[in-house]
Amino acid sequence: MIAMTKPSLVVCVEDDEPVRDALRGLLRASGINAASFASAEEFLDSDELQTATCLVTDIQLGGISGLDLLDRLAGMSVVIPSILITAHTDVAAGDRARSSGAMKVFLKPVSPSELLQAVRTALANAS
């Protein structure tokens, strides 16, 4: 029997459209399969919920926050290596993100090379 590996899919959840487009573009330009969503609710209602191998989300979103998204995924027993980004230097939010399972928290503006390294690490750990 041949083991089939799940194709990598990085999901970006970001309510700021230019940032969302830039994230998706950066990942795709680096050869990484990426999908993007304007809200956590949109992602939770999508088929990509079952196929995502890495999640990149903003902490501050309209509606369900990035932190609450991690909590909801945990409550659904969905394990996706997650990277959070934020424009705010809120130590409590960073601590909560890590306790909710985020593998990395970045402050905006995010270094593209550092973000790609974190995504590649997440994908390597997911396989």
N, C-alpha and C. Protein backbone atom coordinates (compact mmCIF):
# COMPACT_ATOMS: atom_id res chain seq x y z
N MET A 1 0.83 -1.17 0.00
CA MET A 1 0.00 0.00 0.00
C MET A 1 0.88 1.25 0.00
N ILE A 2 0.53 2.20 -0.85
CA ILE A 2 1.30 3.43 -0.96
C ILE A 2 0.67 4.49 -0.07
N ALA A 3 1.50 5.12 0.76
CA ALA A 3 0.99 6.18 1.64
C ALA A 3 0.77 7.44 0.82
N MET A 4 -0.40 8.00 0.94
CA MET A 4 -0.72 9.24 0.22
C MET A 4 -0.54 10.40 1.19
N THR A 5 0.21 11.40 0.77
CA THR A 5 0.36 12.56 1.61
C THR A 5 -0.67 13.62 1.20
N LYS A 6 -1.19 14.30 2.18
CA LYS A 6 -2.18 15.34 1.92
C LYS A 6 -1.46 16.54 1.30
N PRO A 7 -1.98 17.05 0.17
CA PRO A 7 -1.33 18.23 -0.41
C PRO A 7 -1.40 19.41 0.56
N SER A 8 -0.36 20.20 0.57
CA SER A 8 -0.31 21.34 1.48
C SER A 8 -1.25 22.44 1.01
N LEU A 9 -1.97 23.02 1.96
CA LEU A 9 -2.82 24.17 1.69
C LEU A 9 -2.71 25.13 2.86
N VAL A 10 -2.20 26.32 2.60
CA VAL A 10 -2.11 27.35 3.61
C VAL A 10 -3.34 28.24 3.46
N VAL A 11 -4.07 28.41 4.54
CA VAL A 11 -5.25 29.26 4.54
C VAL A 11 -4.91 30.57 5.24
N CYS A 12 -5.21 31.68 4.58
CA CYS A 12 -5.01 33.02 5.14
C CYS A 12 -6.37 33.60 5.48
N VAL A 13 -6.57 34.01 6.72
CA VAL A 13 -7.81 34.67 7.14
C VAL A 13 -7.42 36.09 7.57
N GLU A 14 -7.85 37.05 6.77
CA GLU A 14 -7.47 38.46 6.97
C GLU A 14 -8.59 39.34 6.42
N ASP A 15 -9.11 40.25 7.25
CA ASP A 15 -10.23 41.08 6.79
C ASP A 15 -9.80 42.31 6.00
N ASP A 16 -8.52 42.62 6.01
CA ASP A 16 -7.99 43.74 5.22
C ASP A 16 -7.60 43.21 3.83
N GLU A 17 -8.41 43.57 2.81
CA GLU A 17 -8.24 42.96 1.49
C GLU A 17 -6.83 43.11 0.90
N PRO A 18 -6.20 44.30 0.94
CA PRO A 18 -4.84 44.40 0.39
C PRO A 18 -3.84 43.49 1.12
N VAL A 19 -3.97 43.39 2.43
CA VAL A 19 -3.07 42.51 3.20
C VAL A 19 -3.35 41.06 2.84
N ARG A 20 -4.63 40.70 2.75
CA ARG A 20 -5.03 39.33 2.38
C ARG A 20 -4.46 38.96 1.01
N ASP A 21 -4.61 39.87 0.04
CA ASP A 21 -4.09 39.61 -1.30
C ASP A 21 -2.57 39.50 -1.31
N ALA A 22 -1.90 40.33 -0.51
CA ALA A 22 -0.44 40.27 -0.43
C ALA A 22 0.03 38.96 0.18
N LEU A 23 -0.65 38.51 1.24
CA LEU A 23 -0.29 37.23 1.86
C LEU A 23 -0.44 36.08 0.87
N ARG A 24 -1.60 36.03 0.22
CA ARG A 24 -1.86 34.96 -0.75
C ARG A 24 -0.83 35.02 -1.89
N GLY A 25 -0.55 36.24 -2.37
CA GLY A 25 0.42 36.40 -3.46
C GLY A 25 1.82 35.96 -3.06
N LEU A 26 2.24 36.32 -1.86
CA LEU A 26 3.56 35.92 -1.36
C LEU A 26 3.68 34.40 -1.31
N LEU A 27 2.66 33.75 -0.76
CA LEU A 27 2.70 32.29 -0.64
C LEU A 27 2.72 31.63 -2.01
N ARG A 28 1.85 32.07 -2.90
CA ARG A 28 1.77 31.47 -4.23
C ARG A 28 3.06 31.71 -5.02
N ALA A 29 3.63 32.92 -4.90
CA ALA A 29 4.89 33.21 -5.60
C ALA A 29 6.03 32.33 -5.09
N SER A 30 5.88 31.82 -3.87
CA SER A 30 6.89 30.94 -3.27
C SER A 30 6.57 29.47 -3.53
N GLY A 31 5.57 29.21 -4.36
CA GLY A 31 5.22 27.84 -4.72
C GLY A 31 4.35 27.12 -3.69
N ILE A 32 3.71 27.89 -2.82
CA ILE A 32 2.87 27.31 -1.76
C ILE A 32 1.40 27.48 -2.15
N ASN A 33 0.66 26.40 -2.11
CA ASN A 33 -0.78 26.43 -2.41
C ASN A 33 -1.48 27.21 -1.29
N ALA A 34 -2.24 28.24 -1.68
CA ALA A 34 -2.86 29.11 -0.67
C ALA A 34 -4.29 29.46 -1.06
N ALA A 35 -5.12 29.58 -0.03
CA ALA A 35 -6.49 30.07 -0.18
C ALA A 35 -6.66 31.18 0.84
N SER A 36 -7.56 32.12 0.55
CA SER A 36 -7.74 33.22 1.51
C SER A 36 -9.22 33.49 1.75
N PHE A 37 -9.47 34.01 2.94
CA PHE A 37 -10.83 34.29 3.39
C PHE A 37 -10.85 35.64 4.09
N ALA A 38 -11.96 36.37 3.92
CA ALA A 38 -12.12 37.69 4.52
C ALA A 38 -12.54 37.63 5.98
N SER A 39 -13.00 36.45 6.43
CA SER A 39 -13.44 36.33 7.82
C SER A 39 -13.26 34.90 8.32
N ALA A 40 -13.24 34.77 9.63
CA ALA A 40 -13.17 33.45 10.24
C ALA A 40 -14.43 32.66 9.92
N GLU A 41 -15.57 33.34 9.90
CA GLU A 41 -16.84 32.67 9.61
C GLU A 41 -16.82 32.06 8.21
N GLU A 42 -16.28 32.83 7.24
CA GLU A 42 -16.18 32.34 5.86
C GLU A 42 -15.31 31.08 5.80
N PHE A 43 -14.19 31.09 6.51
CA PHE A 43 -13.31 29.93 6.55
C PHE A 43 -13.99 28.73 7.21
N LEU A 44 -14.65 28.97 8.34
CA LEU A 44 -15.31 27.88 9.06
C LEU A 44 -16.42 27.22 8.23
N ASP A 45 -17.02 27.96 7.31
CA ASP A 45 -18.08 27.43 6.45
C ASP A 45 -17.55 26.83 5.15
N SER A 46 -16.24 26.82 4.96
CA SER A 46 -15.66 26.39 3.69
C SER A 46 -15.20 24.93 3.71
N ASP A 47 -15.01 24.38 2.52
CA ASP A 47 -14.44 23.03 2.38
C ASP A 47 -12.98 23.00 2.80
N GLU A 48 -12.30 24.16 2.71
CA GLU A 48 -10.88 24.22 3.06
C GLU A 48 -10.63 23.95 4.55
N LEU A 49 -11.68 24.04 5.36
CA LEU A 49 -11.54 23.73 6.78
C LEU A 49 -11.00 22.31 6.96
N GLN A 50 -11.41 21.41 6.09
CA GLN A 50 -11.00 20.00 6.19
C GLN A 50 -9.65 19.72 5.52
N THR A 51 -9.18 20.64 4.66
CA THR A 51 -7.96 20.37 3.90
C THR A 51 -6.78 21.26 4.27
N ALA A 52 -7.01 22.27 5.10
CA ALA A 52 -5.94 23.21 5.47
C ALA A 52 -4.84 22.49 6.25
N THR A 53 -3.60 22.78 5.88
CA THR A 53 -2.46 22.20 6.60
C THR A 53 -1.69 23.28 7.38
N CYS A 54 -2.07 24.56 7.19
CA CYS A 54 -1.48 25.66 7.94
C CYS A 54 -2.47 26.82 7.87
N LEU A 55 -2.56 27.56 8.95
CA LEU A 55 -3.45 28.72 9.03
C LEU A 55 -2.64 29.95 9.38
N VAL A 56 -2.81 31.00 8.59
CA VAL A 56 -2.23 32.31 8.89
C VAL A 56 -3.41 33.25 9.08
N THR A 57 -3.55 33.82 10.27
CA THR A 57 -4.69 34.70 10.54
C THR A 57 -4.29 35.91 11.35
N ASP A 58 -5.01 36.99 11.11
CA ASP A 58 -4.85 38.19 11.91
C ASP A 58 -5.53 37.93 13.26
N ILE A 59 -5.02 38.51 14.31
CA ILE A 59 -5.67 38.37 15.61
C ILE A 59 -6.96 39.20 15.61
N GLN A 60 -6.89 40.44 15.09
CA GLN A 60 -8.04 41.34 15.07
C GLN A 60 -8.80 41.17 13.75
N LEU A 61 -9.95 40.56 13.80
CA LEU A 61 -10.82 40.41 12.64
C LEU A 61 -12.19 40.94 13.00
N GLY A 62 -12.95 41.39 12.00
CA GLY A 62 -14.34 41.71 12.25
C GLY A 62 -15.07 40.40 12.53
N GLY A 63 -15.98 40.36 13.47
CA GLY A 63 -16.65 39.11 13.81
C GLY A 63 -15.77 38.27 14.72
N ILE A 64 -15.64 37.00 14.39
CA ILE A 64 -14.82 36.09 15.20
C ILE A 64 -13.35 36.49 15.06
N SER A 65 -12.66 36.70 16.18
CA SER A 65 -11.24 37.08 16.13
C SER A 65 -10.38 35.88 15.79
N GLY A 66 -9.13 36.16 15.45
CA GLY A 66 -8.19 35.08 15.18
C GLY A 66 -8.00 34.18 16.38
N LEU A 67 -7.99 34.77 17.58
CA LEU A 67 -7.85 33.98 18.80
C LEU A 67 -9.07 33.09 19.02
N ASP A 68 -10.25 33.66 18.81
CA ASP A 68 -11.47 32.86 18.97
C ASP A 68 -11.56 31.77 17.89
N LEU A 69 -11.02 32.06 16.71
CA LEU A 69 -10.98 31.04 15.65
C LEU A 69 -10.15 29.84 16.12
N LEU A 70 -9.00 30.09 16.72
CA LEU A 70 -8.18 28.98 17.22
C LEU A 70 -8.94 28.18 18.27
N ASP A 71 -9.64 28.88 19.16
CA ASP A 71 -10.42 28.19 20.19
C ASP A 71 -11.54 27.36 19.57
N ARG A 72 -12.21 27.89 18.55
CA ARG A 72 -13.28 27.13 17.89
C ARG A 72 -12.73 25.89 17.19
N LEU A 73 -11.59 26.04 16.52
CA LEU A 73 -10.97 24.89 15.86
C LEU A 73 -10.63 23.82 16.89
N ALA A 74 -10.07 24.22 18.02
CA ALA A 74 -9.74 23.26 19.08
C ALA A 74 -11.00 22.57 19.59
N GLY A 75 -12.08 23.33 19.73
CA GLY A 75 -13.35 22.77 20.19
C GLY A 75 -13.95 21.78 19.21
N MET A 76 -13.57 21.92 17.93
CA MET A 76 -14.05 21.02 16.88
C MET A 76 -13.05 19.86 16.66
N SER A 77 -11.99 19.82 17.47
CA SER A 77 -10.91 18.84 17.33
C SER A 77 -10.22 18.93 15.97
N VAL A 78 -10.14 20.15 15.44
CA VAL A 78 -9.43 20.41 14.18
C VAL A 78 -8.07 20.97 14.56
N VAL A 79 -7.02 20.26 14.16
CA VAL A 79 -5.66 20.67 14.49
C VAL A 79 -4.99 21.18 13.21
N ILE A 80 -4.73 22.49 13.19
CA ILE A 80 -4.05 23.12 12.06
C ILE A 80 -2.93 23.98 12.64
N PRO A 81 -1.67 23.71 12.27
CA PRO A 81 -0.60 24.60 12.74
C PRO A 81 -0.94 26.04 12.35
N SER A 82 -0.86 26.95 13.33
CA SER A 82 -1.35 28.31 13.11
C SER A 82 -0.30 29.37 13.40
N ILE A 83 -0.34 30.41 12.56
CA ILE A 83 0.54 31.56 12.69
C ILE A 83 -0.37 32.78 12.77
N LEU A 84 -0.18 33.60 13.79
CA LEU A 84 -1.01 34.78 13.95
C LEU A 84 -0.21 36.03 13.68
N ILE A 85 -0.90 37.03 13.12
CA ILE A 85 -0.28 38.32 12.89
C ILE A 85 -1.15 39.39 13.54
N THR A 86 -0.52 40.46 13.98
CA THR A 86 -1.26 41.52 14.65
C THR A 86 -0.56 42.86 14.46
N ALA A 87 -1.35 43.91 14.50
CA ALA A 87 -0.81 45.27 14.44
C ALA A 87 -0.62 45.83 15.84
N HIS A 88 -1.05 45.08 16.85
CA HIS A 88 -1.03 45.59 18.23
C HIS A 88 -0.01 44.83 19.08
N THR A 89 0.71 45.56 19.90
CA THR A 89 1.69 44.93 20.79
C THR A 89 1.03 44.61 22.12
N ASP A 90 0.04 43.74 22.06
CA ASP A 90 -0.71 43.33 23.24
C ASP A 90 -0.11 42.03 23.76
N VAL A 91 0.64 42.13 24.85
CA VAL A 91 1.32 40.97 25.42
C VAL A 91 0.32 39.88 25.80
N ALA A 92 -0.82 40.28 26.37
CA ALA A 92 -1.84 39.29 26.78
C ALA A 92 -2.37 38.53 25.57
N ALA A 93 -2.58 39.23 24.45
CA ALA A 93 -3.07 38.56 23.24
C ALA A 93 -2.03 37.58 22.72
N GLY A 94 -0.76 37.97 22.77
CA GLY A 94 0.30 37.06 22.34
C GLY A 94 0.38 35.82 23.22
N ASP A 95 0.25 36.03 24.53
CA ASP A 95 0.25 34.89 25.45
C ASP A 95 -0.95 33.99 25.20
N ARG A 96 -2.13 34.59 24.99
CA ARG A 96 -3.33 33.79 24.71
C ARG A 96 -3.17 33.03 23.40
N ALA A 97 -2.58 33.66 22.40
CA ALA A 97 -2.38 33.01 21.11
C ALA A 97 -1.52 31.76 21.28
N ARG A 98 -0.43 31.90 22.02
CA ARG A 98 0.44 30.74 22.23
C ARG A 98 -0.25 29.67 23.06
N SER A 99 -1.04 30.06 24.06
CA SER A 99 -1.74 29.06 24.86
C SER A 99 -2.88 28.40 24.08
N SER A 100 -3.35 29.08 23.01
CA SER A 100 -4.38 28.50 22.15
C SER A 100 -3.77 27.64 21.04
N GLY A 101 -2.45 27.53 21.03
CA GLY A 101 -1.80 26.65 20.08
C GLY A 101 -1.10 27.31 18.91
N ALA A 102 -1.06 28.64 18.87
CA ALA A 102 -0.35 29.31 17.78
C ALA A 102 1.14 28.98 17.89
N MET A 103 1.73 28.61 16.77
CA MET A 103 3.15 28.29 16.79
C MET A 103 4.02 29.53 16.68
N LYS A 104 3.45 30.63 16.16
CA LYS A 104 4.21 31.86 15.99
C LYS A 104 3.25 33.04 15.97
N VAL A 105 3.66 34.17 16.54
CA VAL A 105 2.89 35.40 16.50
C VAL A 105 3.82 36.48 15.95
N PHE A 106 3.38 37.14 14.87
CA PHE A 106 4.16 38.20 14.24
C PHE A 106 3.48 39.54 14.41
N LEU A 107 4.29 40.58 14.58
CA LEU A 107 3.81 41.95 14.63
C LEU A 107 3.90 42.53 13.23
N LYS A 108 2.82 43.21 12.79
CA LYS A 108 2.84 43.85 11.47
C LYS A 108 3.75 45.08 11.53
N PRO A 109 4.47 45.38 10.46
CA PRO A 109 4.52 44.63 9.21
C PRO A 109 5.40 43.39 9.36
N VAL A 110 4.94 42.30 8.79
CA VAL A 110 5.61 41.01 8.90
C VAL A 110 6.71 40.93 7.84
N SER A 111 7.86 40.45 8.25
CA SER A 111 8.94 40.19 7.29
C SER A 111 8.52 39.02 6.41
N PRO A 112 8.47 39.23 5.07
CA PRO A 112 8.06 38.11 4.20
C PRO A 112 8.93 36.86 4.38
N SER A 113 10.24 37.04 4.55
CA SER A 113 11.11 35.87 4.69
C SER A 113 10.84 35.14 6.01
N GLU A 114 10.59 35.89 7.08
CA GLU A 114 10.29 35.24 8.37
C GLU A 114 8.95 34.52 8.33
N LEU A 115 7.95 35.13 7.67
CA LEU A 115 6.65 34.49 7.54
C LEU A 115 6.76 33.21 6.73
N LEU A 116 7.48 33.28 5.62
CA LEU A 116 7.65 32.08 4.79
C LEU A 116 8.37 30.97 5.55
N GLN A 117 9.37 31.33 6.34
CA GLN A 117 10.07 30.33 7.14
C GLN A 117 9.13 29.68 8.14
N ALA A 118 8.28 30.47 8.79
CA ALA A 118 7.32 29.92 9.75
C ALA A 118 6.31 29.01 9.05
N VAL A 119 5.84 29.41 7.87
CA VAL A 119 4.89 28.59 7.11
C VAL A 119 5.55 27.28 6.71
N ARG A 120 6.77 27.34 6.21
CA ARG A 120 7.47 26.11 5.79
C ARG A 120 7.70 25.18 6.99
N THR A 121 8.01 25.75 8.15
CA THR A 121 8.17 24.94 9.36
C THR A 121 6.84 24.27 9.72
N ALA A 122 5.75 25.05 9.66
CA ALA A 122 4.42 24.49 9.97
C ALA A 122 4.07 23.36 9.01
N LEU A 123 4.33 23.56 7.73
CA LEU A 123 4.01 22.53 6.74
C LEU A 123 4.88 21.28 6.93
N ALA A 124 6.14 21.47 7.28
CA ALA A 124 7.02 20.32 7.53
C ALA A 124 6.54 19.53 8.74
N ASN A 125 6.07 20.24 9.76
CA ASN A 125 5.59 19.58 10.96
C ASN A 125 4.24 18.91 10.77
N ALA A 126 3.46 19.39 9.78
CA ALA A 126 2.13 18.85 9.53
C ALA A 126 2.18 17.56 8.71
N SER A 127 3.26 17.34 8.00
CA SER A 127 3.33 16.16 7.13
C SER A 127 3.82 14.93 7.84
